[in-house]
Amino acid sequence: MWATNSSINEVIVSAWGASSGADPVDSLLHKIEKWSASLTHWNKEHFGNVGTEIRKLEAQLAHEREIQK
């Protein structure tokens, strides 16, 4: 799903471009944390909670199958 949305590129570039000091390890960890938080927020903003929606639809489908039996 993410690959189909062009705004993901901006989120990745912006989060990954952030720098937090001279120590390369600390900088990498900071970038990963910022990237993760940015992607989590972006995902919820653009796609909502897909897992919950899938479970809800699966329950509806199971209910419809029971009715058909």
N, C-alpha and C. Protein backbone atom coordinates (compact mmCIF):
# COMPACT_ATOMS: atom_id res chain seq x y z
N MET A 1 0.82 -1.19 0.00
CA MET A 1 0.00 0.00 0.00
C MET A 1 0.87 1.26 0.00
N TRP A 2 1.92 1.22 0.76
CA TRP A 2 2.76 2.42 0.87
C TRP A 2 3.37 2.80 -0.47
N ALA A 3 3.75 1.82 -1.24
CA ALA A 3 4.42 2.10 -2.52
C ALA A 3 3.49 2.80 -3.50
N THR A 4 2.19 2.67 -3.32
CA THR A 4 1.24 3.30 -4.23
C THR A 4 0.98 4.76 -3.89
N ASN A 5 1.46 5.22 -2.74
CA ASN A 5 1.22 6.59 -2.32
C ASN A 5 2.50 7.40 -2.45
N SER A 6 2.47 8.40 -3.31
CA SER A 6 3.68 9.17 -3.61
C SER A 6 4.18 10.00 -2.45
N SER A 7 3.36 10.32 -1.48
CA SER A 7 3.81 11.16 -0.37
C SER A 7 4.75 10.43 0.58
N ILE A 8 4.85 9.12 0.46
CA ILE A 8 5.76 8.37 1.33
C ILE A 8 7.21 8.80 1.10
N ASN A 9 7.55 9.17 -0.11
CA ASN A 9 8.92 9.60 -0.40
C ASN A 9 9.31 10.81 0.44
N GLU A 10 8.41 11.76 0.57
CA GLU A 10 8.69 12.95 1.38
C GLU A 10 8.93 12.60 2.83
N VAL A 11 8.13 11.68 3.36
CA VAL A 11 8.27 11.26 4.76
C VAL A 11 9.63 10.61 4.98
N ILE A 12 10.00 9.73 4.08
CA ILE A 12 11.28 9.03 4.22
C ILE A 12 12.45 9.98 4.12
N VAL A 13 12.45 10.83 3.12
CA VAL A 13 13.56 11.77 2.92
C VAL A 13 13.66 12.73 4.09
N SER A 14 12.54 13.25 4.54
CA SER A 14 12.55 14.21 5.64
C SER A 14 13.05 13.58 6.94
N ALA A 15 12.54 12.42 7.26
CA ALA A 15 12.94 11.75 8.51
C ALA A 15 14.38 11.28 8.44
N TRP A 16 14.78 10.75 7.34
CA TRP A 16 16.14 10.20 7.22
C TRP A 16 17.18 11.31 7.12
N GLY A 17 16.79 12.47 6.63
CA GLY A 17 17.73 13.58 6.47
C GLY A 17 18.08 14.27 7.77
N ALA A 18 17.34 14.00 8.83
CA ALA A 18 17.60 14.65 10.12
C ALA A 18 18.93 14.18 10.69
N SER A 19 19.66 15.10 11.28
CA SER A 19 20.95 14.77 11.89
C SER A 19 20.91 15.16 13.35
N SER A 20 21.64 14.42 14.17
CA SER A 20 21.58 14.70 15.60
C SER A 20 22.96 14.57 16.25
N GLY A 21 23.94 15.18 15.69
CA GLY A 21 25.24 15.17 16.36
C GLY A 21 26.33 14.53 15.53
N ALA A 22 27.51 14.51 16.14
CA ALA A 22 28.69 14.04 15.42
C ALA A 22 28.88 12.53 15.50
N ASP A 23 28.38 11.90 16.56
CA ASP A 23 28.58 10.46 16.71
C ASP A 23 27.72 9.71 15.70
N PRO A 24 28.34 8.95 14.79
CA PRO A 24 27.56 8.29 13.72
C PRO A 24 26.55 7.27 14.25
N VAL A 25 26.89 6.57 15.33
CA VAL A 25 25.96 5.58 15.88
C VAL A 25 24.75 6.28 16.47
N ASP A 26 24.98 7.32 17.26
CA ASP A 26 23.86 8.07 17.83
C ASP A 26 23.01 8.70 16.73
N SER A 27 23.66 9.21 15.71
CA SER A 27 22.95 9.81 14.59
C SER A 27 22.07 8.78 13.89
N LEU A 28 22.60 7.59 13.66
CA LEU A 28 21.84 6.53 13.00
C LEU A 28 20.64 6.11 13.86
N LEU A 29 20.86 5.93 15.16
CA LEU A 29 19.76 5.55 16.05
C LEU A 29 18.67 6.63 16.07
N HIS A 30 19.09 7.88 16.10
CA HIS A 30 18.13 8.98 16.08
C HIS A 30 17.33 8.97 14.78
N LYS A 31 18.00 8.76 13.66
CA LYS A 31 17.33 8.72 12.37
C LYS A 31 16.32 7.58 12.31
N ILE A 32 16.69 6.42 12.83
CA ILE A 32 15.79 5.27 12.82
C ILE A 32 14.56 5.55 13.68
N GLU A 33 14.77 6.14 14.87
CA GLU A 33 13.64 6.47 15.74
C GLU A 33 12.72 7.50 15.09
N LYS A 34 13.30 8.52 14.49
CA LYS A 34 12.51 9.57 13.83
C LYS A 34 11.78 8.98 12.62
N TRP A 35 12.45 8.15 11.87
CA TRP A 35 11.87 7.51 10.70
C TRP A 35 10.68 6.64 11.10
N SER A 36 10.87 5.85 12.14
CA SER A 36 9.81 4.96 12.62
C SER A 36 8.59 5.75 13.07
N ALA A 37 8.80 6.79 13.86
CA ALA A 37 7.69 7.61 14.34
C ALA A 37 6.99 8.31 13.18
N SER A 38 7.75 8.83 12.25
CA SER A 38 7.17 9.52 11.09
C SER A 38 6.34 8.57 10.24
N LEU A 39 6.86 7.39 10.00
CA LEU A 39 6.14 6.42 9.18
C LEU A 39 4.88 5.91 9.88
N THR A 40 4.95 5.73 11.18
CA THR A 40 3.77 5.30 11.94
C THR A 40 2.67 6.35 11.84
N HIS A 41 3.04 7.60 12.04
CA HIS A 41 2.07 8.69 11.95
C HIS A 41 1.50 8.81 10.53
N TRP A 42 2.38 8.76 9.54
CA TRP A 42 1.96 8.86 8.15
C TRP A 42 1.00 7.72 7.79
N ASN A 43 1.32 6.51 8.22
CA ASN A 43 0.49 5.35 7.91
C ASN A 43 -0.92 5.53 8.47
N LYS A 44 -1.02 5.95 9.73
CA LYS A 44 -2.35 6.14 10.33
C LYS A 44 -3.10 7.26 9.65
N GLU A 45 -2.39 8.31 9.26
CA GLU A 45 -3.02 9.44 8.59
C GLU A 45 -3.56 9.08 7.21
N HIS A 46 -2.83 8.24 6.47
CA HIS A 46 -3.23 7.91 5.10
C HIS A 46 -4.05 6.64 4.97
N PHE A 47 -3.85 5.68 5.86
CA PHE A 47 -4.52 4.40 5.69
C PHE A 47 -5.37 3.98 6.89
N GLY A 48 -5.31 4.73 7.98
CA GLY A 48 -6.08 4.35 9.15
C GLY A 48 -5.51 3.12 9.80
N ASN A 49 -6.36 2.39 10.48
CA ASN A 49 -5.92 1.18 11.15
C ASN A 49 -6.37 -0.02 10.32
N VAL A 50 -5.55 -0.41 9.39
CA VAL A 50 -5.88 -1.46 8.42
C VAL A 50 -6.12 -2.80 9.12
N GLY A 51 -5.33 -3.12 10.12
CA GLY A 51 -5.49 -4.39 10.83
C GLY A 51 -6.86 -4.52 11.46
N THR A 52 -7.33 -3.46 12.11
CA THR A 52 -8.65 -3.47 12.73
C THR A 52 -9.74 -3.61 11.67
N GLU A 53 -9.58 -2.90 10.58
CA GLU A 53 -10.56 -2.97 9.50
C GLU A 53 -10.62 -4.38 8.90
N ILE A 54 -9.49 -5.02 8.73
CA ILE A 54 -9.45 -6.38 8.19
C ILE A 54 -10.16 -7.34 9.14
N ARG A 55 -9.87 -7.23 10.44
CA ARG A 55 -10.53 -8.12 11.42
C ARG A 55 -12.04 -7.91 11.42
N LYS A 56 -12.47 -6.67 11.29
CA LYS A 56 -13.90 -6.37 11.27
C LYS A 56 -14.55 -6.99 10.03
N LEU A 57 -13.92 -6.86 8.89
CA LEU A 57 -14.47 -7.44 7.66
C LEU A 57 -14.45 -8.97 7.69
N GLU A 58 -13.42 -9.55 8.30
CA GLU A 58 -13.37 -11.02 8.43
C GLU A 58 -14.51 -11.52 9.31
N ALA A 59 -14.81 -10.78 10.38
CA ALA A 59 -15.93 -11.16 11.26
C ALA A 59 -17.25 -11.06 10.51
N GLN A 60 -17.42 -10.01 9.72
CA GLN A 60 -18.64 -9.87 8.92
C GLN A 60 -18.77 -11.00 7.92
N LEU A 61 -17.67 -11.37 7.29
CA LEU A 61 -17.68 -12.46 6.33
C LEU A 61 -18.04 -13.78 7.00
N ALA A 62 -17.46 -14.03 8.16
CA ALA A 62 -17.77 -15.27 8.90
C ALA A 62 -19.25 -15.29 9.27
N HIS A 63 -19.80 -14.17 9.67
CA HIS A 63 -21.21 -14.08 10.00
C HIS A 63 -22.08 -14.38 8.78
N GLU A 64 -21.72 -13.81 7.64
CA GLU A 64 -22.49 -14.05 6.41
C GLU A 64 -22.42 -15.53 6.00
N ARG A 65 -21.28 -16.14 6.20
CA ARG A 65 -21.15 -17.58 5.86
C ARG A 65 -22.03 -18.42 6.76
N GLU A 66 -22.12 -18.05 8.03
CA GLU A 66 -22.98 -18.78 8.96
C GLU A 66 -24.44 -18.63 8.56
N ILE A 67 -24.84 -17.47 8.13
CA ILE A 67 -26.21 -17.22 7.71
C ILE A 67 -26.53 -18.09 6.49
N GLN A 68 -25.59 -18.20 5.56
CA GLN A 68 -25.82 -18.98 4.34
C GLN A 68 -25.95 -20.47 4.64
N LYS A 69 -25.28 -20.95 5.68
CA LYS A 69 -25.38 -22.37 6.02
C LYS A 69 -26.77 -22.67 6.50
